Amino acid sequence: MSECPCGSKLQYSQCCEPIIKGEQLAKTAEQLMRSRYSAYVMKELDHIYQSTHPGKREDYDEKGTRSWSEKSKWEGLDIISTKDGEENDTTGTVEFIAHFTYRNNKQYHHESADFIKEEGKWYFNEGHMVPQKPVVRENPKVGRNDPCTCGSGLKYKKCCGKEI
């Protein structure tokens, strides 16, 4: 027995595996999202295809998906937020970050995924990349020739800026 890759702290056999194997349906959009992440980790890519809405499957790139799944080291899933997507809903949105290493580079995939439920079954419908938020400085930018912020009286480039 092993812990489920989705981060639920449950055993894989009690969490995402029954959904991936088609033994049970995901009850919520988040549960389907978690099972899709686990499917990437476990290389169970039929689940990725089957859990994609039938109207969106024409865009599915099986070869690219398989390559990404197999060449990545999956390092964790963070669920940022969910909107709707409960058992009695027909639509839901899950914002998540999947952490992985690809070609020796740590990366992340930050997406807002839309799900729809038809005839009692949840499907991934569409995903949108979440743009990185701009960096907002809390203090004013210090120029190389400005006085050093430590109060030494030297120019920044001759004092604390020397370390950079």
Protein backbone atom coordinates (compact mmCIF):
# COMPACT_ATOMS: atom_id res chain seq x y z
CA MET A 1 0.00 0.00 0.00
CA SER A 2 1.23 3.48 -0.81
CA GLU A 3 0.03 7.00 -0.17
CA CYS A 4 -1.95 8.57 -3.00
CA PRO A 5 0.06 11.00 -5.15
CA CYS A 6 -2.77 13.55 -5.02
CA GLY A 7 -1.79 14.61 -1.51
CA SER A 8 -4.99 13.49 0.23
CA LYS A 9 -2.99 11.44 2.81
CA LEU A 10 -5.19 8.43 1.95
CA GLN A 11 -3.92 5.19 0.48
CA TYR A 12 -3.87 5.19 -3.34
CA SER A 13 -6.12 2.10 -3.35
CA GLN A 14 -8.69 4.00 -1.26
CA CYS A 15 -8.42 7.36 -3.04
CA CYS A 16 -7.70 7.87 -6.73
CA GLU A 17 -7.08 4.33 -7.96
CA PRO A 18 -10.77 3.25 -8.03
CA ILE A 19 -11.62 6.37 -10.05
CA ILE A 20 -8.69 5.88 -12.43
CA LYS A 21 -9.58 2.19 -12.92
CA GLY A 22 -13.25 3.07 -13.58
CA GLU A 23 -14.47 1.21 -10.50
CA GLN A 24 -16.19 4.31 -9.13
CA LEU A 25 -17.09 7.81 -10.32
CA ALA A 26 -15.57 10.96 -8.92
CA LYS A 27 -18.10 12.57 -6.60
CA THR A 28 -16.76 16.11 -7.00
CA ALA A 29 -14.80 18.16 -9.52
CA GLU A 30 -11.87 18.32 -7.09
CA GLN A 31 -11.87 14.55 -6.70
CA LEU A 32 -11.68 14.21 -10.49
CA MET A 33 -8.87 16.80 -10.60
CA ARG A 34 -6.90 14.85 -7.99
CA SER A 35 -7.42 11.60 -9.89
CA ARG A 36 -6.17 13.21 -13.10
CA TYR A 37 -2.99 14.37 -11.34
CA SER A 38 -2.51 10.87 -9.91
CA ALA A 39 -3.04 9.43 -13.39
CA TYR A 40 -0.12 11.51 -14.69
CA VAL A 41 2.05 10.30 -11.80
CA MET A 42 1.06 6.64 -12.24
CA LYS A 43 1.20 6.79 -16.09
CA GLU A 44 -2.50 5.82 -16.30
CA LEU A 45 -3.13 8.03 -19.30
CA ASP A 46 -6.32 6.34 -20.47
CA HIS A 47 -7.94 8.04 -17.48
CA ILE A 48 -6.80 11.45 -18.71
CA TYR A 49 -8.50 10.80 -22.05
CA GLN A 50 -11.64 9.21 -20.58
CA SER A 51 -12.11 11.98 -18.02
CA THR A 52 -11.86 14.69 -20.69
CA HIS A 53 -15.26 15.84 -21.93
CA PRO A 54 -16.11 13.99 -25.17
CA GLY A 55 -16.57 17.33 -26.96
CA LYS A 56 -12.96 18.29 -26.13
CA ARG A 57 -11.20 15.03 -26.97
CA GLU A 58 -10.34 16.00 -30.54
CA ASP A 59 -7.62 18.30 -29.14
CA TYR A 60 -6.12 15.53 -26.98
CA ASP A 61 -2.44 14.88 -27.81
CA GLU A 62 -1.86 11.31 -26.65
CA LYS A 63 1.80 11.20 -27.67
CA GLY A 64 2.67 14.55 -26.06
CA THR A 65 0.73 13.72 -22.91
CA ARG A 66 2.49 10.36 -22.57
CA SER A 67 5.90 11.95 -23.11
CA TRP A 68 5.28 14.67 -20.51
CA SER A 69 3.97 12.14 -18.00
CA GLU A 70 6.81 9.67 -18.43
CA LYS A 71 9.67 12.20 -18.57
CA SER A 72 8.53 14.20 -15.55
CA LYS A 73 9.21 13.54 -11.90
CA TRP A 74 5.95 14.48 -10.20
CA GLU A 75 6.50 16.22 -6.88
CA GLY A 76 3.11 17.27 -5.56
CA LEU A 77 -0.26 18.86 -6.10
CA ASP A 78 -1.57 21.99 -4.39
CA ILE A 79 -5.27 22.72 -4.62
CA ILE A 80 -5.50 26.52 -4.42
CA SER A 81 -9.28 26.88 -4.55
CA THR A 82 -12.49 25.25 -5.67
CA LYS A 83 -15.66 26.93 -6.82
CA ASP A 84 -18.79 24.79 -6.92
CA GLY A 85 -18.14 21.26 -8.22
CA GLU A 86 -19.83 19.49 -5.32
CA GLU A 87 -21.93 16.33 -5.64
CA ASN A 88 -25.14 18.20 -6.50
CA ASP A 89 -23.52 20.76 -8.85
CA THR A 90 -23.20 20.45 -12.62
CA THR A 91 -20.19 22.74 -13.04
CA GLY A 92 -17.11 23.45 -11.01
CA THR A 93 -13.72 25.11 -11.16
CA VAL A 94 -10.54 23.92 -9.47
CA GLU A 95 -7.43 26.08 -9.35
CA PHE A 96 -4.32 24.00 -8.75
CA ILE A 97 -0.55 23.91 -9.02
CA ALA A 98 1.17 20.68 -10.09
CA HIS A 99 4.86 20.59 -9.18
CA PHE A 100 7.26 18.52 -11.26
CA THR A 101 10.81 18.27 -12.58
CA TYR A 102 11.22 18.01 -16.34
CA ARG A 103 14.65 17.68 -17.95
CA ASN A 104 16.33 18.47 -14.61
CA ASN A 105 14.37 21.75 -14.24
CA LYS A 106 11.91 22.23 -11.38
CA GLN A 107 8.68 23.55 -12.85
CA TYR A 108 5.05 24.01 -11.99
CA HIS A 109 1.78 24.01 -13.90
CA HIS A 110 -0.67 26.57 -12.45
CA GLU A 111 -4.12 26.18 -13.97
CA SER A 112 -7.75 27.02 -13.39
CA ALA A 113 -9.64 23.96 -14.64
CA ASP A 114 -13.32 23.94 -15.54
CA PHE A 115 -15.34 20.75 -15.02
CA ILE A 116 -18.84 19.78 -16.05
CA LYS A 117 -21.07 16.96 -14.87
CA GLU A 118 -23.25 15.13 -17.37
CA GLU A 119 -25.41 12.11 -16.63
CA GLY A 120 -23.84 11.83 -13.19
CA LYS A 121 -20.23 11.85 -14.41
CA TRP A 122 -17.68 14.64 -13.95
CA TYR A 123 -15.49 15.61 -16.92
CA PHE A 124 -12.57 17.98 -17.35
CA ASN A 125 -13.83 20.55 -19.87
CA GLU A 126 -11.22 23.27 -20.24
CA GLY A 127 -8.16 24.67 -18.52
CA HIS A 128 -6.68 28.14 -18.39
CA MET A 129 -3.15 28.94 -17.29
CA VAL A 130 -3.09 31.27 -14.29
CA PRO A 131 -0.69 34.13 -15.02
CA GLN A 132 2.08 34.81 -12.56
CA LYS A 133 1.32 37.81 -10.40
CA PRO A 134 3.66 40.75 -10.93
CA VAL A 135 6.26 41.44 -8.28
CA VAL A 136 5.34 44.48 -6.23
CA ARG A 137 8.21 46.17 -4.43
CA GLU A 138 7.61 47.02 -0.82
CA ASN A 139 10.56 49.43 -0.74
CA PRO A 140 11.76 51.83 -3.44
CA LYS A 141 14.36 50.49 -5.87
CA VAL A 142 17.92 51.42 -4.92
CA GLY A 143 20.15 52.50 -7.82
CA ARG A 144 23.86 51.63 -7.96
CA ASN A 145 24.87 55.26 -7.38
CA ASP A 146 22.30 56.00 -4.66
CA PRO A 147 23.42 56.21 -1.04
CA CYS A 148 23.48 52.76 0.57
CA THR A 149 20.36 51.93 2.57
CA CYS A 150 22.47 50.70 5.52
CA GLY A 151 23.45 54.30 6.34
CA SER A 152 27.20 53.92 5.76
CA GLY A 153 27.36 57.04 3.60
CA LEU A 154 28.87 55.06 0.72
CA LYS A 155 27.27 54.54 -2.66
CA TYR A 156 25.19 51.36 -2.82
CA LYS A 157 27.55 49.83 -5.42
CA LYS A 158 30.56 50.30 -3.08
CA CYS A 159 28.77 48.94 0.01
CA CYS A 160 25.91 46.42 0.21
CA GLY A 161 25.49 46.28 -3.59
CA LYS A 162 29.03 44.91 -3.84
CA GLU A 163 27.77 41.48 -2.75
CA ILE A 164 25.38 41.17 -5.69
